[in-house]
Amino acid sequence: MKATIWHNPKCGTSRNTLAILNETPGVEVTVIEYLKSPPTADKLAQLYRDAGITPQKGLRIKGTDATERGLPDADDGSVLAAMAAEPALIERPVVETDKGARLCRPKETVHEIL
């Protein structure tokens, strides 16, 4: 099975989720450091749709100015555009496999798509 993780190596939850992926037999992992290689707004929209969540649920609040900018209450397009322009606004980690996508907070959520 192939798995792609949008990863921040400075984040403990992201590191722990990556460890689960690496320790799971038969999983071939692609790691994308999203702060260096941000996903497009279209890719984010697809990931959140596949995860069954809104872009607002994928918005990182802690350590960002998302609330001050009104992003938690903004329309999907505005949130996605902001995330694509400023990837620090993306909550992490997001994992995608053939079985779907998940925002892996907590890290154990990744098991739902393995």
PDB file of N, CA and C in Angstrom:
ATOM      1  N   MET A   1       0.847  -1.176   0.000  1.00  0.00           N
ATOM      2  CA  MET A   1       0.000   0.000   0.000  1.00  0.00           C
ATOM      3  C   MET A   1       0.892   1.239   0.000  1.00  0.00           C
ATOM      4  N   LYS A   2       0.468   2.235  -0.768  1.00  0.00           N
ATOM      5  CA  LYS A   2       1.184   3.508  -0.793  1.00  0.00           C
ATOM      6  C   LYS A   2       0.503   4.489   0.154  1.00  0.00           C
ATOM      7  N   ALA A   3       1.331   5.259   0.865  1.00  0.00           N
ATOM      8  CA  ALA A   3       0.817   6.283   1.768  1.00  0.00           C
ATOM      9  C   ALA A   3       1.644   7.549   1.569  1.00  0.00           C
ATOM     10  N   THR A   4       0.960   8.680   1.538  1.00  0.00           N
ATOM     11  CA  THR A   4       1.628   9.980   1.456  1.00  0.00           C
ATOM     12  C   THR A   4       1.289  10.739   2.725  1.00  0.00           C
ATOM     13  N   ILE A   5       2.323  11.277   3.368  1.00  0.00           N
ATOM     14  CA  ILE A   5       2.123  12.077   4.566  1.00  0.00           C
ATOM     15  C   ILE A   5       2.611  13.485   4.301  1.00  0.00           C
ATOM     16  N   TRP A   6       1.742  14.459   4.590  1.00  0.00           N
ATOM     17  CA  TRP A   6       2.124  15.869   4.562  1.00  0.00           C
ATOM     18  C   TRP A   6       2.629  16.143   5.974  1.00  0.00           C
ATOM     19  N   HIS A   7       3.927  16.312   6.067  1.00  0.00           N
ATOM     20  CA  HIS A   7       4.668  16.173   7.321  1.00  0.00           C
ATOM     21  C   HIS A   7       5.399  17.450   7.705  1.00  0.00           C
ATOM     22  N   ASN A   8       5.456  17.681   9.025  1.00  0.00           N
ATOM     23  CA  ASN A   8       6.309  18.728   9.586  1.00  0.00           C
ATOM     24  C   ASN A   8       7.236  18.030  10.581  1.00  0.00           C
ATOM     25  N   PRO A   9       8.531  17.922  10.264  1.00  0.00           N
ATOM     26  CA  PRO A   9       9.437  17.182  11.144  1.00  0.00           C
ATOM     27  C   PRO A   9       9.591  17.795  12.533  1.00  0.00           C
ATOM     28  N   LYS A  10       9.171  19.032  12.733  1.00  0.00           N
ATOM     29  CA  LYS A  10       9.254  19.669  14.055  1.00  0.00           C
ATOM     30  C   LYS A  10       8.062  19.322  14.938  1.00  0.00           C
ATOM     31  N   CYS A  11       7.064  18.666  14.374  1.00  0.00           N
ATOM     32  CA  CYS A  11       5.823  18.343  15.091  1.00  0.00           C
ATOM     33  C   CYS A  11       5.875  16.907  15.613  1.00  0.00           C
ATOM     34  N   GLY A  12       5.683  16.747  16.929  1.00  0.00           N
ATOM     35  CA  GLY A  12       5.700  15.427  17.539  1.00  0.00           C
ATOM     36  C   GLY A  12       4.617  14.510  16.999  1.00  0.00           C
ATOM     37  N   THR A  13       3.415  15.009  16.825  1.00  0.00           N
ATOM     38  CA  THR A  13       2.326  14.183  16.299  1.00  0.00           C
ATOM     39  C   THR A  13       2.646  13.728  14.882  1.00  0.00           C
ATOM     40  N   SER A  14       3.224  14.617  14.093  1.00  0.00           N
ATOM     41  CA  SER A  14       3.594  14.267  12.731  1.00  0.00           C
ATOM     42  C   SER A  14       4.702  13.207  12.723  1.00  0.00           C
ATOM     43  N   ARG A  15       5.701  13.379  13.576  1.00  0.00           N
ATOM     44  CA  ARG A  15       6.783  12.385  13.669  1.00  0.00           C
ATOM     45  C   ARG A  15       6.244  11.030  14.119  1.00  0.00           C
ATOM     46  N   ASN A  16       5.348  11.031  15.089  1.00  0.00           N
ATOM     47  CA  ASN A  16       4.777   9.783  15.599  1.00  0.00           C
ATOM     48  C   ASN A  16       3.909   9.090  14.551  1.00  0.00           C
ATOM     49  N   THR A  17       3.170   9.873  13.773  1.00  0.00           N
ATOM     50  CA  THR A  17       2.349   9.293  12.702  1.00  0.00           C
ATOM     51  C   THR A  17       3.248   8.691  11.630  1.00  0.00           C
ATOM     52  N   LEU A  18       4.311   9.389  11.286  1.00  0.00           N
ATOM     53  CA  LEU A  18       5.266   8.860  10.312  1.00  0.00           C
ATOM     54  C   LEU A  18       5.879   7.557  10.816  1.00  0.00           C
ATOM     55  N   ALA A  19       6.173   7.486  12.108  1.00  0.00           N
ATOM     56  CA  ALA A  19       6.728   6.255  12.680  1.00  0.00           C
ATOM     57  C   ALA A  19       5.744   5.096  12.525  1.00  0.00           C
ATOM     58  N   ILE A  20       4.457   5.340  12.763  1.00  0.00           N
ATOM     59  CA  ILE A  20       3.441   4.297  12.576  1.00  0.00           C
ATOM     60  C   ILE A  20       3.466   3.810  11.133  1.00  0.00           C
ATOM     61  N   LEU A  21       3.505   4.748  10.195  1.00  0.00           N
ATOM     62  CA  LEU A  21       3.540   4.370   8.777  1.00  0.00           C
ATOM     63  C   LEU A  21       4.778   3.544   8.460  1.00  0.00           C
ATOM     64  N   ASN A  22       5.926   3.987   8.943  1.00  0.00           N
ATOM     65  CA  ASN A  22       7.183   3.279   8.659  1.00  0.00           C
ATOM     66  C   ASN A  22       7.241   1.906   9.303  1.00  0.00           C
ATOM     67  N   GLU A  23       6.543   1.720  10.417  1.00  0.00           N
ATOM     68  CA  GLU A  23       6.560   0.443  11.140  1.00  0.00           C
ATOM     69  C   GLU A  23       5.483  -0.533  10.662  1.00  0.00           C
ATOM     70  N   THR A  24       4.596  -0.068   9.781  1.00  0.00           N
ATOM     71  CA  THR A  24       3.517  -0.927   9.294  1.00  0.00           C
ATOM     72  C   THR A  24       3.997  -1.702   8.067  1.00  0.00           C
ATOM     73  N   PRO A  25       4.020  -3.037   8.177  1.00  0.00           N
ATOM     74  CA  PRO A  25       4.489  -3.840   7.040  1.00  0.00           C
ATOM     75  C   PRO A  25       3.674  -3.581   5.773  1.00  0.00           C
ATOM     76  N   GLY A  26       4.370  -3.507   4.655  1.00  0.00           N
ATOM     77  CA  GLY A  26       3.711  -3.348   3.362  1.00  0.00           C
ATOM     78  C   GLY A  26       3.336  -1.932   2.994  1.00  0.00           C
ATOM     79  N   VAL A  27       3.696  -0.954   3.825  1.00  0.00           N
ATOM     80  CA  VAL A  27       3.360   0.437   3.523  1.00  0.00           C
ATOM     81  C   VAL A  27       4.591   1.130   2.931  1.00  0.00           C
ATOM     82  N   GLU A  28       4.408   1.665   1.739  1.00  0.00           N
ATOM     83  CA  GLU A  28       5.445   2.430   1.056  1.00  0.00           C
ATOM     84  C   GLU A  28       5.114   3.910   1.256  1.00  0.00           C
ATOM     85  N   VAL A  29       5.970   4.621   1.992  1.00  0.00           N
ATOM     86  CA  VAL A  29       5.665   5.976   2.428  1.00  0.00           C
ATOM     87  C   VAL A  29       6.365   7.025   1.569  1.00  0.00           C
ATOM     88  N   THR A  30       5.592   8.016   1.153  1.00  0.00           N
ATOM     89  CA  THR A  30       6.131   9.219   0.527  1.00  0.00           C
ATOM     90  C   THR A  30       5.938  10.348   1.528  1.00  0.00           C
ATOM     91  N   VAL A  31       7.021  11.041   1.843  1.00  0.00           N
ATOM     92  CA  VAL A  31       6.977  12.129   2.811  1.00  0.00           C
ATOM     93  C   VAL A  31       7.080  13.455   2.071  1.00  0.00           C
ATOM     94  N   ILE A  32       6.121  14.325   2.304  1.00  0.00           N
ATOM     95  CA  ILE A  32       6.143  15.674   1.727  1.00  0.00           C
ATOM     96  C   ILE A  32       6.199  16.659   2.887  1.00  0.00           C
ATOM     97  N   GLU A  33       7.299  17.379   2.970  1.00  0.00           N
ATOM     98  CA  GLU A  33       7.390  18.429   3.981  1.00  0.00           C
ATOM     99  C   GLU A  33       6.620  19.631   3.439  1.00  0.00           C
ATOM    100  N   TYR A  34       5.371  19.741   3.874  1.00  0.00           N
ATOM    101  CA  TYR A  34       4.449  20.694   3.277  1.00  0.00           C
ATOM    102  C   TYR A  34       4.852  22.155   3.477  1.00  0.00           C
ATOM    103  N   LEU A  35       5.692  22.444   4.466  1.00  0.00           N
ATOM    104  CA  LEU A  35       6.152  23.827   4.619  1.00  0.00           C
ATOM    105  C   LEU A  35       7.131  24.203   3.509  1.00  0.00           C
ATOM    106  N   LYS A  36       7.823  23.197   2.959  1.00  0.00           N
ATOM    107  CA  LYS A  36       8.762  23.424   1.856  1.00  0.00           C
ATOM    108  C   LYS A  36       8.093  23.231   0.493  1.00  0.00           C
ATOM    109  N   SER A  37       7.159  22.299   0.423  1.00  0.00           N
ATOM    110  CA  SER A  37       6.452  21.976  -0.820  1.00  0.00           C
ATOM    111  C   SER A  37       4.950  21.950  -0.543  1.00  0.00           C
ATOM    112  N   PRO A  38       4.337  23.135  -0.429  1.00  0.00           N
ATOM    113  CA  PRO A  38       2.920  23.172  -0.044  1.00  0.00           C
ATOM    114  C   PRO A  38       1.995  22.604  -1.123  1.00  0.00           C
ATOM    115  N   PRO A  39       0.929  21.949  -0.670  1.00  0.00           N
ATOM    116  CA  PRO A  39      -0.078  21.478  -1.624  1.00  0.00           C
ATOM    117  C   PRO A  39      -0.865  22.661  -2.187  1.00  0.00           C
ATOM    118  N   THR A  40      -1.437  22.457  -3.341  1.00  0.00           N
ATOM    119  CA  THR A  40      -2.284  23.489  -3.939  1.00  0.00           C
ATOM    120  C   THR A  40      -3.623  23.528  -3.213  1.00  0.00           C
ATOM    121  N   ALA A  41      -4.365  24.585  -3.446  1.00  0.00           N
ATOM    122  CA  ALA A  41      -5.711  24.684  -2.871  1.00  0.00           C
ATOM    123  C   ALA A  41      -6.582  23.531  -3.368  1.00  0.00           C
ATOM    124  N   ASP A  42      -6.433  23.152  -4.635  1.00  0.00           N
ATOM    125  CA  ASP A  42      -7.217  22.036  -5.183  1.00  0.00           C
ATOM    126  C   ASP A  42      -6.865  20.718  -4.496  1.00  0.00           C
ATOM    127  N   LYS A  43      -5.568  20.493  -4.244  1.00  0.00           N
ATOM    128  CA  LYS A  43      -5.153  19.254  -3.569  1.00  0.00           C
ATOM    129  C   LYS A  43      -5.681  19.240  -2.139  1.00  0.00           C
ATOM    130  N   LEU A  44      -5.584  20.371  -1.450  1.00  0.00           N
ATOM    131  CA  LEU A  44      -6.129  20.449  -0.098  1.00  0.00           C
ATOM    132  C   LEU A  44      -7.630  20.163  -0.093  1.00  0.00           C
ATOM    133  N   ALA A  45      -8.347  20.735  -1.044  1.00  0.00           N
ATOM    134  CA  ALA A  45      -9.797  20.506  -1.127  1.00  0.00           C
ATOM    135  C   ALA A  45     -10.088  19.015  -1.294  1.00  0.00           C
ATOM    136  N   GLN A  46      -9.321  18.354  -2.147  1.00  0.00           N
ATOM    137  CA  GLN A  46      -9.501  16.912  -2.376  1.00  0.00           C
ATOM    138  C   GLN A  46      -9.179  16.116  -1.113  1.00  0.00           C
ATOM    139  N   LEU A  47      -8.087  16.455  -0.432  1.00  0.00           N
ATOM    140  CA  LEU A  47      -7.713  15.748   0.793  1.00  0.00           C
ATOM    141  C   LEU A  47      -8.798  15.876   1.862  1.00  0.00           C
ATOM    142  N   TYR A  48      -9.290  17.085   2.071  1.00  0.00           N
ATOM    143  CA  TYR A  48     -10.315  17.290   3.091  1.00  0.00           C
ATOM    144  C   TYR A  48     -11.634  16.620   2.709  1.00  0.00           C
ATOM    145  N   ARG A  49     -11.967  16.662   1.433  1.00  0.00           N
ATOM    146  CA  ARG A  49     -13.177  15.974   0.965  1.00  0.00           C
ATOM    147  C   ARG A  49     -13.045  14.469   1.234  1.00  0.00           C
ATOM    148  N   ASP A  50     -11.865  13.908   0.883  1.00  0.00           N
ATOM    149  CA  ASP A  50     -11.638  12.473   1.096  1.00  0.00           C
ATOM    150  C   ASP A  50     -11.594  12.120   2.583  1.00  0.00           C
ATOM    151  N   ALA A  51     -11.198  13.069   3.417  1.00  0.00           N
ATOM    152  CA  ALA A  51     -11.157  12.845   4.866  1.00  0.00           C
ATOM    153  C   ALA A  51     -12.516  13.061   5.518  1.00  0.00           C
ATOM    154  N   GLY A  52     -13.452  13.637   4.757  1.00  0.00           N
ATOM    155  CA  GLY A  52     -14.783  13.892   5.294  1.00  0.00           C
ATOM    156  C   GLY A  52     -14.833  15.066   6.256  1.00  0.00           C
ATOM    157  N   ILE A  53     -13.914  16.022   6.063  1.00  0.00           N
ATOM    158  CA  ILE A  53     -13.899  17.208   6.923  1.00  0.00           C
ATOM    159  C   ILE A  53     -13.918  18.468   6.067  1.00  0.00           C
ATOM    160  N   THR A  54     -14.258  19.573   6.687  1.00  0.00           N
ATOM    161  CA  THR A  54     -14.239  20.861   5.998  1.00  0.00           C
ATOM    162  C   THR A  54     -12.822  21.438   6.044  1.00  0.00           C
ATOM    163  N   PRO A  55     -12.510  22.349   5.141  1.00  0.00           N
ATOM    164  CA  PRO A  55     -11.211  23.016   5.218  1.00  0.00           C
ATOM    165  C   PRO A  55     -10.996  23.700   6.573  1.00  0.00           C
ATOM    166  N   GLN A  56     -12.057  24.201   7.160  1.00  0.00           N
ATOM    167  CA  GLN A  56     -11.934  24.862   8.457  1.00  0.00           C
ATOM    168  C   GLN A  56     -11.454  23.883   9.536  1.00  0.00           C
ATOM    169  N   LYS A  57     -11.851  22.612   9.439  1.00  0.00           N
ATOM    170  CA  LYS A  57     -11.398  21.593  10.391  1.00  0.00           C
ATOM    171  C   LYS A  57      -9.918  21.270  10.181  1.00  0.00           C
ATOM    172  N   GLY A  58      -9.402  21.542   8.984  1.00  0.00           N
ATOM    173  CA  GLY A  58      -7.997  21.299   8.684  1.00  0.00           C
ATOM    174  C   GLY A  58      -7.123  22.521   8.902  1.00  0.00           C
ATOM    175  N   LEU A  59      -7.700  23.556   9.456  1.00  0.00           N
ATOM    176  CA  LEU A  59      -6.993  24.824   9.680  1.00  0.00           C
ATOM    177  C   LEU A  59      -6.246  24.788  11.003  1.00  0.00           C
ATOM    178  N   ARG A  60      -4.985  25.132  10.957  1.00  0.00           N
ATOM    179  CA  ARG A  60      -4.189  25.201  12.187  1.00  0.00           C
ATOM    180  C   ARG A  60      -4.444  26.539  12.859  1.00  0.00           C
ATOM    181  N   ILE A  61      -4.918  26.490  14.085  1.00  0.00           N
ATOM    182  CA  ILE A  61      -5.203  27.699  14.859  1.00  0.00           C
ATOM    183  C   ILE A  61      -4.011  28.043  15.752  1.00  0.00           C
ATOM    184  N   LYS A  62      -3.531  27.023  16.473  1.00  0.00           N
ATOM    185  CA  LYS A  62      -2.442  27.224  17.437  1.00  0.00           C
ATOM    186  C   LYS A  62      -1.179  27.727  16.716  1.00  0.00           C
ATOM    187  N   GLY A  63      -0.630  28.822  17.225  1.00  0.00           N
ATOM    188  CA  GLY A  63       0.610  29.346  16.677  1.00  0.00           C
ATOM    189  C   GLY A  63       0.467  30.078  15.363  1.00  0.00           C
ATOM    190  N   THR A  64      -0.771  30.375  14.962  1.00  0.00           N
ATOM    191  CA  THR A  64      -0.998  31.111  13.716  1.00  0.00           C
ATOM    192  C   THR A  64      -1.906  32.315  13.998  1.00  0.00           C
ATOM    193  N   ASP A  65      -2.091  33.125  12.970  1.00  0.00           N
ATOM    194  CA  ASP A  65      -3.002  34.264  13.086  1.00  0.00           C
ATOM    195  C   ASP A  65      -4.356  33.974  12.425  1.00  0.00           C
ATOM    196  N   ALA A  66      -4.683  32.676  12.308  1.00  0.00           N
ATOM    197  CA  ALA A  66      -5.914  32.280  11.618  1.00  0.00           C
ATOM    198  C   ALA A  66      -7.163  32.893  12.239  1.00  0.00           C
ATOM    199  N   THR A  67      -7.236  32.904  13.555  1.00  0.00           N
ATOM    200  CA  THR A  67      -8.414  33.451  14.225  1.00  0.00           C
ATOM    201  C   THR A  67      -8.518  34.951  13.994  1.00  0.00           C
ATOM    202  N   GLU A  68      -7.397  35.653  14.150  1.00  0.00           N
ATOM    203  CA  GLU A  68      -7.401  37.104  13.942  1.00  0.00           C
ATOM    204  C   GLU A  68      -7.808  37.467  12.517  1.00  0.00           C
ATOM    205  N   ARG A  69      -7.503  36.600  11.583  1.00  0.00           N
ATOM    206  CA  ARG A  69      -7.855  36.839  10.175  1.00  0.00           C
ATOM    207  C   ARG A  69      -9.276  36.407   9.845  1.00  0.00           C
ATOM    208  N   GLY A  70      -9.968  35.801  10.813  1.00  0.00           N
ATOM    209  CA  GLY A  70     -11.343  35.376  10.581  1.00  0.00           C
ATOM    210  C   GLY A  70     -11.461  34.099   9.778  1.00  0.00           C
ATOM    211  N   LEU A  71     -10.378  33.357   9.633  1.00  0.00           N
ATOM    212  CA  LEU A  71     -10.403  32.160   8.795  1.00  0.00           C
ATOM    213  C   LEU A  71     -11.294  31.038   9.324  1.00  0.00           C
ATOM    214  N   PRO A  72     -11.428  30.844  10.639  1.00  0.00           N
ATOM    215  CA  PRO A  72     -12.315  29.764  11.083  1.00  0.00           C
ATOM    216  C   PRO A  72     -13.762  29.945  10.620  1.00  0.00           C
ATOM    217  N   ASP A  73     -14.164  31.179  10.335  1.00  0.00           N
ATOM    218  CA  ASP A  73     -15.533  31.442   9.891  1.00  0.00           C
ATOM    219  C   ASP A  73     -15.614  31.809   8.412  1.00  0.00           C
ATOM    220  N   ALA A  74     -14.491  31.741   7.715  1.00  0.00           N
ATOM    221  CA  ALA A  74     -14.457  32.109   6.299  1.00  0.00           C
ATOM    222  C   ALA A  74     -14.998  30.976   5.430  1.00  0.00           C
ATOM    223  N   ASP A  75     -15.294  31.306   4.174  1.00  0.00           N
ATOM    224  CA  ASP A  75     -15.775  30.289   3.238  1.00  0.00           C
ATOM    225  C   ASP A  75     -14.624  29.358   2.852  1.00  0.00           C
ATOM    226  N   ASP A  76     -14.978  28.191   2.337  1.00  0.00           N
ATOM    227  CA  ASP A  76     -13.981  27.173   2.001  1.00  0.00           C
ATOM    228  C   ASP A  76     -12.898  27.710   1.075  1.00  0.00           C
ATOM    229  N   GLY A  77     -13.276  28.419   0.039  1.00  0.00           N
ATOM    230  CA  GLY A  77     -12.312  28.927  -0.925  1.00  0.00           C
ATOM    231  C   GLY A  77     -11.285  29.854  -0.295  1.00  0.00           C
ATOM    232  N   SER A  78     -11.734  30.701   0.605  1.00  0.00           N
ATOM    233  CA  SER A  78     -10.813  31.623   1.282  1.00  0.00           C
ATOM    234  C   SER A  78      -9.844  30.874   2.187  1.00  0.00           C
ATOM    235  N   VAL A  79     -10.352  29.875   2.891  1.00  0.00           N
ATOM    236  CA  VAL A  79      -9.501  29.086   3.786  1.00  0.00           C
ATOM    237  C   VAL A  79      -8.462  28.319   2.971  1.00  0.00           C
ATOM    238  N   LEU A  80      -8.898  27.674   1.909  1.00  0.00           N
ATOM    239  CA  LEU A  80      -7.981  26.901   1.070  1.00  0.00           C
ATOM    240  C   LEU A  80      -6.922  27.790   0.427  1.00  0.00           C
ATOM    241  N   ALA A  81      -7.319  28.967  -0.044  1.00  0.00           N
ATOM    242  CA  ALA A  81      -6.357  29.896  -0.653  1.00  0.00           C
ATOM    243  C   ALA A  81      -5.328  30.357   0.379  1.00  0.00           C
ATOM    244  N   ALA A  82      -5.790  30.639   1.596  1.00  0.00           N
ATOM    245  CA  ALA A  82      -4.871  31.065   2.654  1.00  0.00           C
ATOM    246  C   ALA A  82      -3.885  29.956   2.994  1.00  0.00           C
ATOM    247  N   MET A  83      -4.370  28.721   3.077  1.00  0.00           N
ATOM    248  CA  MET A  83      -3.497  27.588   3.391  1.00  0.00           C
ATOM    249  C   MET A  83      -2.459  27.361   2.293  1.00  0.00           C
ATOM    250  N   ALA A  84      -2.886  27.464   1.048  1.00  0.00           N
ATOM    251  CA  ALA A  84      -1.958  27.256  -0.068  1.00  0.00           C
ATOM    252  C   ALA A  84      -0.882  28.345  -0.083  1.00  0.00           C
ATOM    253  N   ALA A  85      -1.277  29.568   0.265  1.00  0.00           N
ATOM    254  CA  ALA A  85      -0.333  30.689   0.274  1.00  0.00           C
ATOM    255  C   ALA A  85       0.574  30.659   1.499  1.00  0.00           C
ATOM    256  N   GLU A  86       0.034  30.183   2.630  1.00  0.00           N
ATOM    257  CA  GLU A  86       0.778  30.137   3.893  1.00  0.00           C
ATOM    258  C   GLU A  86       0.600  28.749   4.509  1.00  0.00           C
ATOM    259  N   PRO A  87       1.444  27.802   4.116  1.00  0.00           N
ATOM    260  CA  PRO A  87       1.241  26.416   4.557  1.00  0.00           C
ATOM    261  C   PRO A  87       1.324  26.213   6.066  1.00  0.00           C
ATOM    262  N   ALA A  88       1.830  27.170   6.823  1.00  0.00           N
ATOM    263  CA  ALA A  88       1.824  27.049   8.285  1.00  0.00           C
ATOM    264  C   ALA A  88       0.396  27.002   8.824  1.00  0.00           C
ATOM    265  N   LEU A  89      -0.579  27.400   8.003  1.00  0.00           N
ATOM    266  CA  LEU A  89      -1.988  27.361   8.397  1.00  0.00           C
ATOM    267  C   LEU A  89      -2.600  25.963   8.271  1.00  0.00           C
ATOM    268  N   ILE A  90      -1.855  25.022   7.708  1.00  0.00           N
ATOM    269  CA  ILE A  90      -2.352  23.655   7.518  1.00  0.00           C
ATOM    270  C   ILE A  90      -2.083  22.849   8.789  1.00  0.00           C
ATOM    271  N   GLU A  91      -3.150  22.295   9.358  1.00  0.00           N
ATOM    272  CA  GLU A  91      -2.974  21.415  10.514  1.00  0.00           C
ATOM    273  C   GLU A  91      -2.350  20.123  10.020  1.00  0.00           C
ATOM    274  N   ARG A  92      -1.486  19.538  10.829  1.00  0.00           N
ATOM    275  CA  ARG A  92      -0.753  18.361  10.405  1.00  0.00           C
ATOM    276  C   ARG A  92      -0.837  17.283  11.459  1.00  0.00           C
ATOM    277  N   PRO A  93      -0.520  16.073  11.000  1.00  0.00           N
ATOM    278  CA  PRO A  93      -0.206  15.634   9.649  1.00  0.00           C
ATOM    279  C   PRO A  93      -1.466  15.164   8.915  1.00  0.00           C
ATOM    280  N   VAL A  94      -1.425  15.267   7.621  1.00  0.00           N
ATOM    281  CA  VAL A  94      -2.477  14.712   6.771  1.00  0.00           C
ATOM    282  C   VAL A  94      -1.860  13.518   6.050  1.00  0.00           C
ATOM    283  N   VAL A  95      -2.565  12.397   6.061  1.00  0.00           N
ATOM    284  CA  VAL A  95      -2.095  11.180   5.410  1.00  0.00           C
ATOM    285  C   VAL A  95      -3.134  10.741   4.394  1.00  0.00           C
ATOM    286  N   GLU A  96      -2.642  10.322   3.225  1.00  0.00           N
ATOM    287  CA  GLU A  96      -3.516   9.837   2.155  1.00  0.00           C
ATOM    288  C   GLU A  96      -3.056   8.453   1.720  1.00  0.00           C
ATOM    289  N   THR A  97      -4.015   7.524   1.609  1.00  0.00           N
ATOM    290  CA  THR A  97      -3.765   6.200   1.045  1.00  0.00           C
ATOM    291  C   THR A  97      -4.887   5.905   0.050  1.00  0.00           C
ATOM    292  N   ASP A  98      -4.854   4.707  -0.515  1.00  0.00           N
ATOM    293  CA  ASP A  98      -5.931   4.297  -1.421  1.00  0.00           C
ATOM    294  C   ASP A  98      -7.274   4.199  -0.700  1.00  0.00           C
ATOM    295  N   LYS A  99      -7.234   4.104   0.628  1.00  0.00           N
ATOM    296  CA  LYS A  99      -8.460   3.973   1.420  1.00  0.00           C
ATOM    297  C   LYS A  99      -9.025   5.317   1.860  1.00  0.00           C
ATOM    298  N   GLY A 100      -8.351   6.413   1.510  1.00  0.00           N
ATOM    299  CA  GLY A 100      -8.857   7.728   1.878  1.00  0.00           C
ATOM    300  C   GLY A 100      -7.777   8.609   2.458  1.00  0.00           C
ATOM    301  N   ALA A 101      -8.208   9.649   3.112  1.00  0.00           N
ATOM    302  CA  ALA A 101      -7.287  10.606   3.729  1.00  0.00           C
ATOM    303  C   ALA A 101      -7.770  10.882   5.149  1.00  0.00           C
ATOM    304  N   ARG A 102      -6.836  11.251   6.003  1.00  0.00           N
ATOM    305  CA  ARG A 102      -7.172  11.597   7.383  1.00  0.00           C
ATOM    306  C   ARG A 102      -6.248  12.689   7.886  1.00  0.00           C
ATOM    307  N   LEU A 103      -6.807  13.576   8.684  1.00  0.00           N
ATOM    308  CA  LEU A 103      -6.016  14.479   9.508  1.00  0.00           C
ATOM    309  C   LEU A 103      -5.707  13.652  10.748  1.00  0.00           C
ATOM    310  N   CYS A 104      -4.467  13.297  10.936  1.00  0.00           N
ATOM    311  CA  CYS A 104      -4.089  12.303  11.950  1.00  0.00           C
ATOM    312  C   CYS A 104      -3.779  12.938  13.298  1.00  0.00           C
ATOM    313  N   ARG A 105      -4.785  13.528  13.873  1.00  0.00           N
ATOM    314  CA  ARG A 105      -4.744  14.055  15.234  1.00  0.00           C
ATOM    315  C   ARG A 105      -5.936  13.446  15.951  1.00  0.00           C
ATOM    316  N   PRO A 106      -5.766  12.478  16.778  1.00  0.00           N
ATOM    317  CA  PRO A 106      -4.513  11.915  17.247  1.00  0.00           C
ATOM    318  C   PRO A 106      -3.875  10.992  16.214  1.00  0.00           C
ATOM    319  N   LYS A 107      -2.615  10.638  16.463  1.00  0.00           N
ATOM    320  CA  LYS A 107      -1.828   9.858  15.507  1.00  0.00           C
ATOM    321  C   LYS A 107      -2.475   8.523  15.159  1.00  0.00           C
ATOM    322  N   GLU A 108      -3.209   7.937  16.092  1.00  0.00           N
ATOM    323  CA  GLU A 108      -3.833   6.624  15.869  1.00  0.00           C
ATOM    324  C   GLU A 108      -4.877   6.654  14.760  1.00  0.00           C
ATOM    325  N   THR A 109      -5.337   7.832  14.412  1.00  0.00           N
ATOM    326  CA  THR A 109      -6.335   7.974  13.344  1.00  0.00           C
ATOM    327  C   THR A 109      -5.826   7.381  12.038  1.00  0.00           C
ATOM    328  N   VAL A 110      -4.521   7.346  11.862  1.00  0.00           N
ATOM    329  CA  VAL A 110      -3.937   6.831  10.620  1.00  0.00           C
ATOM    330  C   VAL A 110      -4.350   5.373  10.390  1.00  0.00           C
ATOM    331  N   HIS A 111      -4.600   4.615  11.455  1.00  0.00           N
ATOM    332  CA  HIS A 111      -4.979   3.203  11.305  1.00  0.00           C
ATOM    333  C   HIS A 111      -6.283   3.034  10.523  1.00  0.00           C
ATOM    334  N   GLU A 112      -7.138   4.058  10.501  1.00  0.00           N
ATOM    335  CA  GLU A 112      -8.406   3.983   9.773  1.00  0.00           C
ATOM    336  C   GLU A 112      -8.209   3.835   8.275  1.00  0.00           C
ATOM    337  N   ILE A 113      -7.048   4.234   7.755  1.00  0.00           N
ATOM    338  CA  ILE A 113      -6.837   4.189   6.307  1.00  0.00           C
ATOM    339  C   ILE A 113      -5.672   3.269   5.912  1.00  0.00           C
ATOM    340  N   LEU A 114      -5.270   2.427   6.844  1.00  0.00           N
ATOM    341  CA  LEU A 114      -4.207   1.443   6.526  1.00  0.00           C
ATOM    342  C   LEU A 114      -4.793   0.075   6.290  1.00  0.00           C
TER     343      LEU A 114
END
